[in-house]
Amino acid sequence: MSHSARSSTNRRVKRAVFVVPSQSARMPSSIQSSLYEVFMSLLVFDV
C-alpha cells in the first residue's frame, strides 16, 4: 500500500472514530455491533 493511500485511510478512520459515537446513540445495538464488526474488519484488512 502506498504511503498516500495509507495516510488517507488513517484520516478516514480517525474521522469515523469521532462520527460513530455521536450517531450510535440513536442506533439500535444490533446495528451498532454489526457496524463495529465491519469497522474492525476494515482496520484489519488495512494492515
C-alpha atoms as a PDB file:
ATOM      1  CA  MET A   1       0.000   0.000   0.000  1.00  0.00           C
ATOM      2  CA  SER A   2       1.382   3.409  -0.904  1.00  0.00           C
ATOM      3  CA  HIS A   3       2.049   5.968   1.808  1.00  0.00           C
ATOM      4  CA  SER A   4      -0.545   8.417   0.475  1.00  0.00           C
ATOM      5  CA  ALA A   5      -3.262   5.743   0.423  1.00  0.00           C
ATOM      6  CA  ARG A   6      -2.402   4.711   3.968  1.00  0.00           C
ATOM      7  CA  SER A   7      -2.496   8.264   5.305  1.00  0.00           C
ATOM      8  CA  SER A   8      -5.848   8.976   3.643  1.00  0.00           C
ATOM      9  CA  THR A   9      -7.235   5.748   5.125  1.00  0.00           C
ATOM     10  CA  ASN A  10      -5.950   6.754   8.548  1.00  0.00           C
ATOM     11  CA  ARG A  11      -7.672  10.123   8.213  1.00  0.00           C
ATOM     12  CA  ARG A  12     -10.932   8.373   7.284  1.00  0.00           C
ATOM     13  CA  VAL A  13     -10.605   6.086  10.290  1.00  0.00           C
ATOM     14  CA  LYS A  14      -9.946   8.993  12.644  1.00  0.00           C
ATOM     15  CA  ARG A  15     -12.976  10.838  11.293  1.00  0.00           C
ATOM     16  CA  ALA A  16     -15.116   7.716  11.672  1.00  0.00           C
ATOM     17  CA  VAL A  17     -13.972   7.281  15.270  1.00  0.00           C
ATOM     18  CA  PHE A  18     -15.391  10.726  16.040  1.00  0.00           C
ATOM     19  CA  VAL A  19     -18.562  10.369  13.958  1.00  0.00           C
ATOM     20  CA  VAL A  20     -19.642   6.879  15.067  1.00  0.00           C
ATOM     21  CA  PRO A  21     -20.127   7.583  18.811  1.00  0.00           C
ATOM     22  CA  SER A  22     -22.335  10.618  18.117  1.00  0.00           C
ATOM     23  CA  GLN A  23     -24.546   8.648  15.715  1.00  0.00           C
ATOM     24  CA  SER A  24     -24.558   5.340  17.611  1.00  0.00           C
ATOM     25  CA  ALA A  25     -26.581   6.854  20.473  1.00  0.00           C
ATOM     26  CA  ARG A  26     -29.581   6.896  18.119  1.00  0.00           C
ATOM     27  CA  MET A  27     -28.988   3.396  16.756  1.00  0.00           C
ATOM     28  CA  PRO A  28     -30.271   0.012  17.913  1.00  0.00           C
ATOM     29  CA  SER A  29     -27.439  -2.015  19.464  1.00  0.00           C
ATOM     30  CA  SER A  30     -27.715  -4.699  16.758  1.00  0.00           C
ATOM     31  CA  ILE A  31     -26.901  -2.175  14.030  1.00  0.00           C
ATOM     32  CA  GLN A  32     -24.197  -0.708  16.237  1.00  0.00           C
ATOM     33  CA  SER A  33     -22.488  -4.064  16.757  1.00  0.00           C
ATOM     34  CA  SER A  34     -22.644  -5.020  13.065  1.00  0.00           C
ATOM     35  CA  LEU A  35     -21.140  -1.658  12.082  1.00  0.00           C
ATOM     36  CA  TYR A  36     -18.440  -2.210  14.687  1.00  0.00           C
ATOM     37  CA  GLU A  37     -17.606  -5.601  13.172  1.00  0.00           C
ATOM     38  CA  VAL A  38     -17.352  -4.067   9.686  1.00  0.00           C
ATOM     39  CA  PHE A  39     -15.221  -1.229  11.046  1.00  0.00           C
ATOM     40  CA  MET A  40     -12.839  -3.641  12.792  1.00  0.00           C
ATOM     41  CA  SER A  41     -12.539  -5.853   9.699  1.00  0.00           C
ATOM     42  CA  LEU A  42     -11.635  -2.769   7.638  1.00  0.00           C
ATOM     43  CA  LEU A  43      -8.898  -1.945  10.144  1.00  0.00           C
ATOM     44  CA  VAL A  44      -7.571  -5.494   9.937  1.00  0.00           C
ATOM     45  CA  PHE A  45      -7.516  -5.524   6.132  1.00  0.00           C
ATOM     46  CA  ASP A  46      -5.858  -2.093   6.019  1.00  0.00           C
ATOM     47  CA  VAL A  47      -2.794  -3.637   7.682  1.00  0.00           C
END
